[in-house]
C-alpha atoms as a PDB file:
ATOM      1  CA  MET A   1     -32.807  14.734  20.229  1.00  0.00           C
ATOM      2  CA  PRO A   2     -30.680  13.312  17.276  1.00  0.00           C
ATOM      3  CA  ASN A   3     -32.803  12.278  14.297  1.00  0.00           C
ATOM      4  CA  TRP A   4     -32.734   8.489  14.068  1.00  0.00           C
ATOM      5  CA  LEU A   5     -32.819   8.023  10.206  1.00  0.00           C
ATOM      6  CA  GLN A   6     -29.681  10.699   9.799  1.00  0.00           C
ATOM      7  CA  GLU A   7     -27.943   8.809  12.692  1.00  0.00           C
ATOM      8  CA  PHE A   8     -28.365   5.536  10.909  1.00  0.00           C
ATOM      9  CA  GLU A   9     -27.224   6.852   7.668  1.00  0.00           C
ATOM     10  CA  HIS A  10     -24.205   8.072   9.309  1.00  0.00           C
ATOM     11  CA  LEU A  11     -23.584   4.915  10.794  1.00  0.00           C
ATOM     12  CA  ILE A  12     -24.054   3.094   7.387  1.00  0.00           C
ATOM     13  CA  GLN A  13     -21.392   5.652   6.115  1.00  0.00           C
ATOM     14  CA  ALA A  14     -19.012   5.053   8.908  1.00  0.00           C
ATOM     15  CA  ASP A  15     -19.367   1.257   8.602  1.00  0.00           C
ATOM     16  CA  ARG A  16     -18.357   1.306   4.902  1.00  0.00           C
ATOM     17  CA  LEU A  17     -15.373   4.016   5.624  1.00  0.00           C
ATOM     18  CA  LEU A  18     -14.032   1.777   8.309  1.00  0.00           C
ATOM     19  CA  ALA A  19     -14.177  -1.440   6.085  1.00  0.00           C
ATOM     20  CA  ASP A  20     -12.253   0.547   3.329  1.00  0.00           C
ATOM     21  CA  TRP A  21      -9.677   1.733   5.968  1.00  0.00           C
ATOM     22  CA  GLN A  22      -9.381  -1.790   7.370  1.00  0.00           C
ATOM     23  CA  ARG A  23      -8.564  -2.858   3.790  1.00  0.00           C
ATOM     24  CA  ARG A  24      -6.060  -0.222   3.341  1.00  0.00           C
ATOM     25  CA  VAL A  25      -4.298  -1.043   6.507  1.00  0.00           C
ATOM     26  CA  ALA A  26      -3.953  -4.585   5.571  1.00  0.00           C
ATOM     27  CA  ASP A  27      -2.824  -3.672   2.073  1.00  0.00           C
ATOM     28  CA  GLN A  28      -0.317  -1.465   3.573  1.00  0.00           C
ATOM     29  CA  ILE A  29       1.016  -4.375   5.669  1.00  0.00           C
ATOM     30  CA  VAL A  30       1.327  -6.477   2.901  1.00  0.00           C
ATOM     31  CA  CYS A  31       3.575  -3.662   1.006  1.00  0.00           C
ATOM     32  CA  ILE A  32       5.683  -3.644   3.969  1.00  0.00           C
ATOM     33  CA  GLU A  33       6.255  -7.138   3.982  1.00  0.00           C
ATOM     34  CA  GLU A  34       6.898  -7.281   0.355  1.00  0.00           C
ATOM     35  CA  MET A  35       9.409  -4.336   0.834  1.00  0.00           C
ATOM     36  CA  THR A  36      11.088  -5.883   3.570  1.00  0.00           C
ATOM     37  CA  ALA A  37      11.568  -9.205   1.560  1.00  0.00           C
ATOM     38  CA  LYS A  38      13.059  -7.127  -1.344  1.00  0.00           C
ATOM     39  CA  GLY A  39      15.465  -5.464   1.200  1.00  0.00           C
ATOM     40  CA  TYR A  40      14.045  -1.915   0.897  1.00  0.00           C
ATOM     41  CA  ASP A  41      13.892   0.604   3.561  1.00  0.00           C
ATOM     42  CA  THR A  42      10.282   0.675   5.121  1.00  0.00           C
ATOM     43  CA  ASP A  43      10.498   3.638   7.422  1.00  0.00           C
ATOM     44  CA  LEU A  44       8.391   5.627   5.562  1.00  0.00           C
ATOM     45  CA  ALA A  45       5.819   2.921   4.851  1.00  0.00           C
ATOM     46  CA  GLU A  46       5.799   2.126   8.445  1.00  0.00           C
ATOM     47  CA  ASP A  47       4.889   5.727   9.487  1.00  0.00           C
ATOM     48  CA  LEU A  48       1.874   5.689   6.998  1.00  0.00           C
ATOM     49  CA  LEU A  49       0.710   2.652   8.434  1.00  0.00           C
ATOM     50  CA  ARG A  50       0.925   4.021  11.937  1.00  0.00           C
ATOM     51  CA  THR A  51      -1.046   7.093  10.461  1.00  0.00           C
ATOM     52  CA  MET A  52      -3.489   4.753   9.034  1.00  0.00           C
ATOM     53  CA  GLU A  53      -4.062   2.782  12.037  1.00  0.00           C
ATOM     54  CA  TYR A  54      -4.637   5.850  14.031  1.00  0.00           C
ATOM     55  CA  THR A  55      -7.081   7.110  11.391  1.00  0.00           C
ATOM     56  CA  LEU A  56      -8.917   3.784  11.690  1.00  0.00           C
ATOM     57  CA  GLU A  57      -8.948   4.175  15.511  1.00  0.00           C
ATOM     58  CA  VAL A  58     -10.361   7.439  15.212  1.00  0.00           C
ATOM     59  CA  GLY A  59     -13.423   6.313  12.979  1.00  0.00           C
ATOM     60  CA  GLN A  60     -14.103   3.342  15.266  1.00  0.00           C
ATOM     61  CA  ARG A  61     -14.414   6.025  18.107  1.00  0.00           C
ATOM     62  CA  HIS A  62     -16.505   8.249  15.911  1.00  0.00           C
ATOM     63  CA  ARG A  63     -18.731   5.112  15.059  1.00  0.00           C
ATOM     64  CA  GLN A  64     -19.171   4.216  18.717  1.00  0.00           C
ATOM     65  CA  LEU A  65     -20.574   8.025  18.944  1.00  0.00           C
ATOM     66  CA  ILE A  66     -22.998   7.684  16.276  1.00  0.00           C
ATOM     67  CA  VAL A  67     -24.041   4.319  18.149  1.00  0.00           C
ATOM     68  CA  GLU A  68     -24.352   6.219  21.173  1.00  0.00           C
ATOM     69  CA  ALA A  69     -26.436   9.058  19.553  1.00  0.00           C
ATOM     70  CA  LEU A  70     -28.631   6.386  17.956  1.00  0.00           C
ATOM     71  CA  SER A  71     -29.546   5.152  21.547  1.00  0.00           C
ATOM     72  CA  ARG A  72     -30.630   8.701  22.519  1.00  0.00           C
ATOM     73  CA  CYS A  73     -32.809   9.313  19.951  1.00  0.00           C
ATOM     74  CA  ASP A  74     -36.400  10.088  20.572  1.00  0.00           C
ATOM     75  CA  GLU A  75     -37.957   8.450  17.678  1.00  0.00           C
ATOM     76  CA  ALA A  76     -38.110   4.773  17.278  1.00  0.00           C
ATOM     77  CA  PRO A  77     -36.672   2.880  14.228  1.00  0.00           C
ATOM     78  CA  PRO A  78     -39.374   2.345  11.613  1.00  0.00           C
ATOM     79  CA  ALA A  79     -41.034  -1.149  11.807  1.00  0.00           C
ATOM     80  CA  PRO A  80     -40.289  -3.730   9.432  1.00  0.00           C
ATOM     81  CA  SER A  81     -43.046  -4.048   7.050  1.00  0.00           C
ATOM     82  CA  SER A  82     -44.951  -7.034   6.709  1.00  0.00           C
ATOM     83  CA  HIS A  83     -45.056  -8.492   2.907  1.00  0.00           C
END
């Protein structure tokens, strides 16, 4: 069975990476829009965007696998401490 803490740490890391990739995709879209407005060829930029979107999609599927692994953990998450 997966270790709960390890999987939770993986989930946190996946969320950070996904947020970063979402920002990168958004930045690339803006870049393409600016290039288009200036009349530049955007073929390579659009190819890169498709690759970035695919990477984001794979990351989202990986995150789902982590969530599923967490649901199978045999140990319970730590109880919140009372202050």
